[in-house]
Amino acid sequence: MTDVTPQNSPTGSGIVAGCFKDLAWIRVQGPGNNRNAPDLANFLGICAEQGVLRYVVDLEECSLMDSTFMGTLCSHTLKLSARGGRTDVINANERNRTALRKLGLHKLMALDAEQDTWARERLLVAENLSQPIRPVAMDREEKTEICLEAHEALVKANVDNLPLFKDVIQYLKMELGGEPPT
């Protein structure tokens, strides 16, 4: 396992992750939300820079996901798909599977409904994955940019999401100094 977490920052994001050769494994412990989405985005960015093309998002201990968290996964997966990579979601509870399907993300990421993919790797990960993603110090503007990118990705992945997130996107753009709507 390769530790790709940023140095000199406290632990506590609720996400445990690591790279196993060319595979990044992300286990969400607790809610996946706007609070830990920036840390997830940072980890995904580091992995992408290292050329990782396969990602597993383990939601066994994830109680729920908000749109910012799902959008962060979506944004990364859209970029990853263009490079021939993929994201698999495993161990999602019914609530999380429904949320992903409702936003059309099941067309972008593989959902393991039978819980049988990555069987051999699950054992390796269970024994070796213990490194929490360390929160990254970001100012309000950087967090807002991540949130905006996440919601724009949800719309890019499925145009039917536009009515759900149009106001959020507009608000975030205004927060970043954009013009108010006319």
C-alpha atoms as a PDB file:
ATOM      1  CA  MET A   1       0.000   0.000   0.000  1.00  0.00           C
ATOM      2  CA  THR A   2       1.250   3.456  -0.865  1.00  0.00           C
ATOM      3  CA  ASP A   3       0.434   6.322   1.484  1.00  0.00           C
ATOM      4  CA  VAL A   4      -0.629   9.248  -0.665  1.00  0.00           C
ATOM      5  CA  THR A   5      -2.106  11.375   2.071  1.00  0.00           C
ATOM      6  CA  PRO A   6      -0.807  14.917   2.533  1.00  0.00           C
ATOM      7  CA  GLN A   7       1.788  15.375   5.245  1.00  0.00           C
ATOM      8  CA  ASN A   8       1.578  17.637   8.285  1.00  0.00           C
ATOM      9  CA  SER A   9      -2.182  17.713   8.606  1.00  0.00           C
ATOM     10  CA  PRO A  10      -4.477  16.248  11.277  1.00  0.00           C
ATOM     11  CA  THR A  11      -6.448  13.060  10.732  1.00  0.00           C
ATOM     12  CA  GLY A  12     -10.211  12.782  10.957  1.00  0.00           C
ATOM     13  CA  SER A  13     -11.861  13.034   7.535  1.00  0.00           C
ATOM     14  CA  GLY A  14     -13.926   9.863   7.976  1.00  0.00           C
ATOM     15  CA  ILE A  15     -12.271   8.360   4.903  1.00  0.00           C
ATOM     16  CA  VAL A  16      -9.614   5.665   4.942  1.00  0.00           C
ATOM     17  CA  ALA A  17      -7.744   5.208   1.674  1.00  0.00           C
ATOM     18  CA  GLY A  18      -4.657   3.868   0.044  1.00  0.00           C
ATOM     19  CA  CYS A  19      -3.134   2.801  -3.247  1.00  0.00           C
ATOM     20  CA  PHE A  20      -2.346  -0.829  -3.939  1.00  0.00           C
ATOM     21  CA  LYS A  21      -0.118  -0.740  -7.018  1.00  0.00           C
ATOM     22  CA  ASP A  22      -2.457   0.678  -9.687  1.00  0.00           C
ATOM     23  CA  LEU A  23      -5.643   0.494  -7.619  1.00  0.00           C
ATOM     24  CA  ALA A  24      -6.894   3.173  -5.222  1.00  0.00           C
ATOM     25  CA  TRP A  25      -9.249   1.969  -2.501  1.00  0.00           C
ATOM     26  CA  ILE A  26     -11.411   4.460  -0.628  1.00  0.00           C
ATOM     27  CA  ARG A  27     -13.469   3.416   2.392  1.00  0.00           C
ATOM     28  CA  VAL A  28     -15.962   5.988   3.635  1.00  0.00           C
ATOM     29  CA  GLN A  29     -16.671   5.742   7.364  1.00  0.00           C
ATOM     30  CA  GLY A  30     -19.716   7.758   8.301  1.00  0.00           C
ATOM     31  CA  PRO A  31     -21.354  10.269   5.979  1.00  0.00           C
ATOM     32  CA  GLY A  32     -19.807  11.316   2.679  1.00  0.00           C
ATOM     33  CA  ASN A  33     -20.555  15.020   2.603  1.00  0.00           C
ATOM     34  CA  ASN A  34     -19.417  18.527   1.834  1.00  0.00           C
ATOM     35  CA  ARG A  35     -17.119  18.461   4.855  1.00  0.00           C
ATOM     36  CA  ASN A  36     -14.951  15.594   3.654  1.00  0.00           C
ATOM     37  CA  ALA A  37     -15.437  16.028  -0.123  1.00  0.00           C
ATOM     38  CA  PRO A  38     -12.440  18.430  -0.364  1.00  0.00           C
ATOM     39  CA  ASP A  39     -10.233  15.812   1.308  1.00  0.00           C
ATOM     40  CA  LEU A  40     -11.551  13.176  -1.086  1.00  0.00           C
ATOM     41  CA  ALA A  41     -10.903  15.492  -4.050  1.00  0.00           C
ATOM     42  CA  ASN A  42      -7.330  16.040  -2.851  1.00  0.00           C
ATOM     43  CA  PHE A  43      -6.692  12.286  -2.487  1.00  0.00           C
ATOM     44  CA  LEU A  44      -8.203  11.561  -5.914  1.00  0.00           C
ATOM     45  CA  GLY A  45      -6.056  14.293  -7.448  1.00  0.00           C
ATOM     46  CA  ILE A  46      -2.869  12.861  -5.935  1.00  0.00           C
ATOM     47  CA  CYS A  47      -3.766   9.384  -7.222  1.00  0.00           C
ATOM     48  CA  ALA A  48      -4.554  10.754 -10.693  1.00  0.00           C
ATOM     49  CA  GLU A  49      -1.169  12.498 -10.802  1.00  0.00           C
ATOM     50  CA  GLN A  50       0.431   9.132 -10.033  1.00  0.00           C
ATOM     51  CA  GLY A  51      -1.415   7.582 -12.977  1.00  0.00           C
ATOM     52  CA  VAL A  52      -3.909   5.464 -11.024  1.00  0.00           C
ATOM     53  CA  LEU A  53      -6.768   4.429 -13.323  1.00  0.00           C
ATOM     54  CA  ARG A  54      -8.794   2.044 -11.140  1.00  0.00           C
ATOM     55  CA  TYR A  55     -10.718   3.183  -8.077  1.00  0.00           C
ATOM     56  CA  VAL A  56     -12.904   1.299  -5.627  1.00  0.00           C
ATOM     57  CA  VAL A  57     -15.192   3.283  -3.345  1.00  0.00           C
ATOM     58  CA  ASP A  58     -16.276   1.105  -0.413  1.00  0.00           C
ATOM     59  CA  LEU A  59     -19.482   2.418   1.166  1.00  0.00           C
ATOM     60  CA  GLU A  60     -20.044  -0.369   3.704  1.00  0.00           C
ATOM     61  CA  GLU A  61     -19.690   2.039   6.618  1.00  0.00           C
ATOM     62  CA  CYS A  62     -21.115   5.084   4.798  1.00  0.00           C
ATOM     63  CA  SER A  63     -24.469   6.097   6.206  1.00  0.00           C
ATOM     64  CA  LEU A  64     -25.321   8.617   3.484  1.00  0.00           C
ATOM     65  CA  MET A  65     -23.847  10.802   0.756  1.00  0.00           C
ATOM     66  CA  ASP A  66     -24.756  14.359  -0.133  1.00  0.00           C
ATOM     67  CA  SER A  67     -24.643  15.889  -3.597  1.00  0.00           C
ATOM     68  CA  THR A  68     -21.227  17.481  -3.060  1.00  0.00           C
ATOM     69  CA  PHE A  69     -19.647  14.149  -2.175  1.00  0.00           C
ATOM     70  CA  MET A  70     -21.353  12.297  -5.038  1.00  0.00           C
ATOM     71  CA  GLY A  71     -20.456  15.141  -7.385  1.00  0.00           C
ATOM     72  CA  THR A  72     -16.810  14.959  -6.335  1.00  0.00           C
ATOM     73  CA  LEU A  73     -16.798  11.251  -7.216  1.00  0.00           C
ATOM     74  CA  CYS A  74     -18.618  12.058 -10.450  1.00  0.00           C
ATOM     75  CA  SER A  75     -16.183  14.812 -11.463  1.00  0.00           C
ATOM     76  CA  HIS A  76     -13.225  12.537 -10.877  1.00  0.00           C
ATOM     77  CA  THR A  77     -14.862   9.640 -12.735  1.00  0.00           C
ATOM     78  CA  LEU A  78     -15.655  11.816 -15.765  1.00  0.00           C
ATOM     79  CA  LYS A  79     -11.981  12.800 -15.999  1.00  0.00           C
ATOM     80  CA  LEU A  80     -10.902   9.229 -15.318  1.00  0.00           C
ATOM     81  CA  SER A  81     -13.153   7.777 -18.039  1.00  0.00           C
ATOM     82  CA  ALA A  82     -11.527  10.035 -20.609  1.00  0.00           C
ATOM     83  CA  ARG A  83      -8.201   8.369 -19.710  1.00  0.00           C
ATOM     84  CA  GLY A  84      -9.592   4.826 -19.861  1.00  0.00           C
ATOM     85  CA  GLY A  85     -10.064   4.401 -16.112  1.00  0.00           C
ATOM     86  CA  ARG A  86     -13.002   3.362 -13.996  1.00  0.00           C
ATOM     87  CA  THR A  87     -14.644   3.743 -10.618  1.00  0.00           C
ATOM     88  CA  ASP A  88     -16.443   0.867  -8.883  1.00  0.00           C
ATOM     89  CA  VAL A  89     -18.754   1.432  -5.933  1.00  0.00           C
ATOM     90  CA  ILE A  90     -19.086  -1.504  -3.551  1.00  0.00           C
ATOM     91  CA  ASN A  91     -21.056  -2.293  -0.392  1.00  0.00           C
ATOM     92  CA  ALA A  92     -23.518   0.573  -0.859  1.00  0.00           C
ATOM     93  CA  ASN A  93     -26.618   0.435   1.311  1.00  0.00           C
ATOM     94  CA  GLU A  94     -30.030   0.872  -0.282  1.00  0.00           C
ATOM     95  CA  ARG A  95     -30.124   4.604   0.493  1.00  0.00           C
ATOM     96  CA  ASN A  96     -26.778   5.233  -1.217  1.00  0.00           C
ATOM     97  CA  ARG A  97     -27.601   2.999  -4.211  1.00  0.00           C
ATOM     98  CA  THR A  98     -30.881   4.889  -4.649  1.00  0.00           C
ATOM     99  CA  ALA A  99     -29.117   8.264  -4.436  1.00  0.00           C
ATOM    100  CA  LEU A 100     -26.527   7.247  -7.040  1.00  0.00           C
ATOM    101  CA  ARG A 101     -29.196   5.878  -9.387  1.00  0.00           C
ATOM    102  CA  LYS A 102     -31.464   8.884  -8.924  1.00  0.00           C
ATOM    103  CA  LEU A 103     -28.677  11.139 -10.198  1.00  0.00           C
ATOM    104  CA  GLY A 104     -27.826   8.756 -13.046  1.00  0.00           C
ATOM    105  CA  LEU A 105     -24.377   7.982 -11.657  1.00  0.00           C
ATOM    106  CA  HIS A 106     -24.904   4.225 -12.024  1.00  0.00           C
ATOM    107  CA  LYS A 107     -24.309   4.826 -15.741  1.00  0.00           C
ATOM    108  CA  LEU A 108     -20.900   6.314 -14.980  1.00  0.00           C
ATOM    109  CA  MET A 109     -19.707   4.164 -12.071  1.00  0.00           C
ATOM    110  CA  ALA A 110     -20.177   0.422 -11.659  1.00  0.00           C
ATOM    111  CA  LEU A 111     -22.396  -0.414  -8.666  1.00  0.00           C
ATOM    112  CA  ASP A 112     -21.647  -3.828  -7.193  1.00  0.00           C
ATOM    113  CA  ALA A 113     -25.148  -4.979  -6.290  1.00  0.00           C
ATOM    114  CA  GLU A 114     -24.110  -8.640  -5.835  1.00  0.00           C
ATOM    115  CA  GLN A 115     -21.112  -7.697  -3.690  1.00  0.00           C
ATOM    116  CA  ASP A 116     -18.828 -10.067  -5.544  1.00  0.00           C
ATOM    117  CA  THR A 117     -16.424  -7.819  -7.446  1.00  0.00           C
ATOM    118  CA  TRP A 118     -12.927  -7.298  -6.103  1.00  0.00           C
ATOM    119  CA  ALA A 119     -13.294 -10.432  -3.930  1.00  0.00           C
ATOM    120  CA  ARG A 120      -9.553 -11.145  -3.645  1.00  0.00           C
ATOM    121  CA  GLU A 121      -8.669  -7.480  -3.152  1.00  0.00           C
ATOM    122  CA  ARG A 122     -11.247  -7.101  -0.378  1.00  0.00           C
ATOM    123  CA  LEU A 123      -9.184  -9.471   1.771  1.00  0.00           C
ATOM    124  CA  LEU A 124      -5.965  -7.590   1.044  1.00  0.00           C
ATOM    125  CA  VAL A 125      -7.614  -4.281   1.823  1.00  0.00           C
ATOM    126  CA  ALA A 126      -9.219  -5.560   5.025  1.00  0.00           C
ATOM    127  CA  GLU A 127      -5.753  -6.510   6.279  1.00  0.00           C
ATOM    128  CA  ASN A 128      -3.856  -3.446   5.060  1.00  0.00           C
ATOM    129  CA  LEU A 129      -6.080  -0.400   4.742  1.00  0.00           C
ATOM    130  CA  SER A 130      -5.738   1.722   7.834  1.00  0.00           C
ATOM    131  CA  GLN A 131      -4.460   5.105   6.680  1.00  0.00           C
ATOM    132  CA  PRO A 132      -7.047   7.849   7.071  1.00  0.00           C
ATOM    133  CA  ILE A 133      -7.082  10.653   4.554  1.00  0.00           C
ATOM    134  CA  ARG A 134      -5.790  13.670   6.380  1.00  0.00           C
ATOM    135  CA  PRO A 135      -7.854  16.828   6.035  1.00  0.00           C
ATOM    136  CA  VAL A 136      -6.275  19.450   3.839  1.00  0.00           C
ATOM    137  CA  ALA A 137      -6.196  23.083   4.862  1.00  0.00           C
ATOM    138  CA  MET A 138      -8.347  24.934   2.322  1.00  0.00           C
ATOM    139  CA  ASP A 139      -9.807  28.379   2.409  1.00  0.00           C
ATOM    140  CA  ARG A 140     -13.491  29.071   1.776  1.00  0.00           C
ATOM    141  CA  GLU A 141     -12.916  29.879  -1.906  1.00  0.00           C
ATOM    142  CA  GLU A 142     -11.127  26.575  -2.577  1.00  0.00           C
ATOM    143  CA  LYS A 143     -13.918  24.625  -0.874  1.00  0.00           C
ATOM    144  CA  THR A 144     -16.516  26.559  -2.857  1.00  0.00           C
ATOM    145  CA  GLU A 145     -14.677  25.756  -6.105  1.00  0.00           C
ATOM    146  CA  ILE A 146     -14.729  22.034  -5.253  1.00  0.00           C
ATOM    147  CA  CYS A 147     -18.422  22.226  -4.436  1.00  0.00           C
ATOM    148  CA  LEU A 148     -19.151  24.043  -7.708  1.00  0.00           C
ATOM    149  CA  GLU A 149     -17.129  21.542  -9.751  1.00  0.00           C
ATOM    150  CA  ALA A 150     -18.980  18.683  -8.037  1.00  0.00           C
ATOM    151  CA  HIS A 151     -22.419  20.050  -8.880  1.00  0.00           C
ATOM    152  CA  GLU A 152     -21.459  20.961 -12.437  1.00  0.00           C
ATOM    153  CA  ALA A 153     -20.181  17.395 -12.886  1.00  0.00           C
ATOM    154  CA  LEU A 154     -23.533  16.006 -11.738  1.00  0.00           C
ATOM    155  CA  VAL A 155     -25.232  18.038 -14.470  1.00  0.00           C
ATOM    156  CA  LYS A 156     -22.621  17.068 -17.055  1.00  0.00           C
ATOM    157  CA  ALA A 157     -23.101  13.390 -16.202  1.00  0.00           C
ATOM    158  CA  ASN A 158     -26.885  13.636 -16.449  1.00  0.00           C
ATOM    159  CA  VAL A 159     -28.641  16.696 -17.888  1.00  0.00           C
ATOM    160  CA  ASP A 160     -31.773  15.679 -15.971  1.00  0.00           C
ATOM    161  CA  ASN A 161     -29.933  16.866 -12.847  1.00  0.00           C
ATOM    162  CA  LEU A 162     -29.952  20.496 -14.028  1.00  0.00           C
ATOM    163  CA  PRO A 163     -33.280  21.402 -12.370  1.00  0.00           C
ATOM    164  CA  LEU A 164     -32.023  19.879  -9.109  1.00  0.00           C
ATOM    165  CA  PHE A 165     -28.770  21.833  -8.988  1.00  0.00           C
ATOM    166  CA  LYS A 166     -29.284  24.946 -11.120  1.00  0.00           C
ATOM    167  CA  ASP A 167     -29.830  27.207  -8.115  1.00  0.00           C
ATOM    168  CA  VAL A 168     -26.929  25.674  -6.191  1.00  0.00           C
ATOM    169  CA  ILE A 169     -24.578  26.192  -9.144  1.00  0.00           C
ATOM    170  CA  GLN A 170     -25.787  29.761  -9.589  1.00  0.00           C
ATOM    171  CA  TYR A 171     -25.304  30.510  -5.899  1.00  0.00           C
ATOM    172  CA  LEU A 172     -21.790  29.012  -5.846  1.00  0.00           C
ATOM    173  CA  LYS A 173     -20.790  31.029  -8.897  1.00  0.00           C
ATOM    174  CA  MET A 174     -21.996  34.181  -7.152  1.00  0.00           C
ATOM    175  CA  GLU A 175     -19.986  33.202  -4.065  1.00  0.00           C
ATOM    176  CA  LEU A 176     -16.905  33.012  -6.286  1.00  0.00           C
ATOM    177  CA  GLY A 177     -17.485  36.526  -7.588  1.00  0.00           C
ATOM    178  CA  GLY A 178     -19.705  35.807 -10.550  1.00  0.00           C
ATOM    179  CA  GLU A 179     -22.499  38.040 -11.710  1.00  0.00           C
ATOM    180  CA  PRO A 180     -25.914  37.749 -10.062  1.00  0.00           C
ATOM    181  CA  PRO A 181     -28.682  36.355 -12.292  1.00  0.00           C
ATOM    182  CA  THR A 182     -30.775  38.819 -14.222  1.00  0.00           C
END
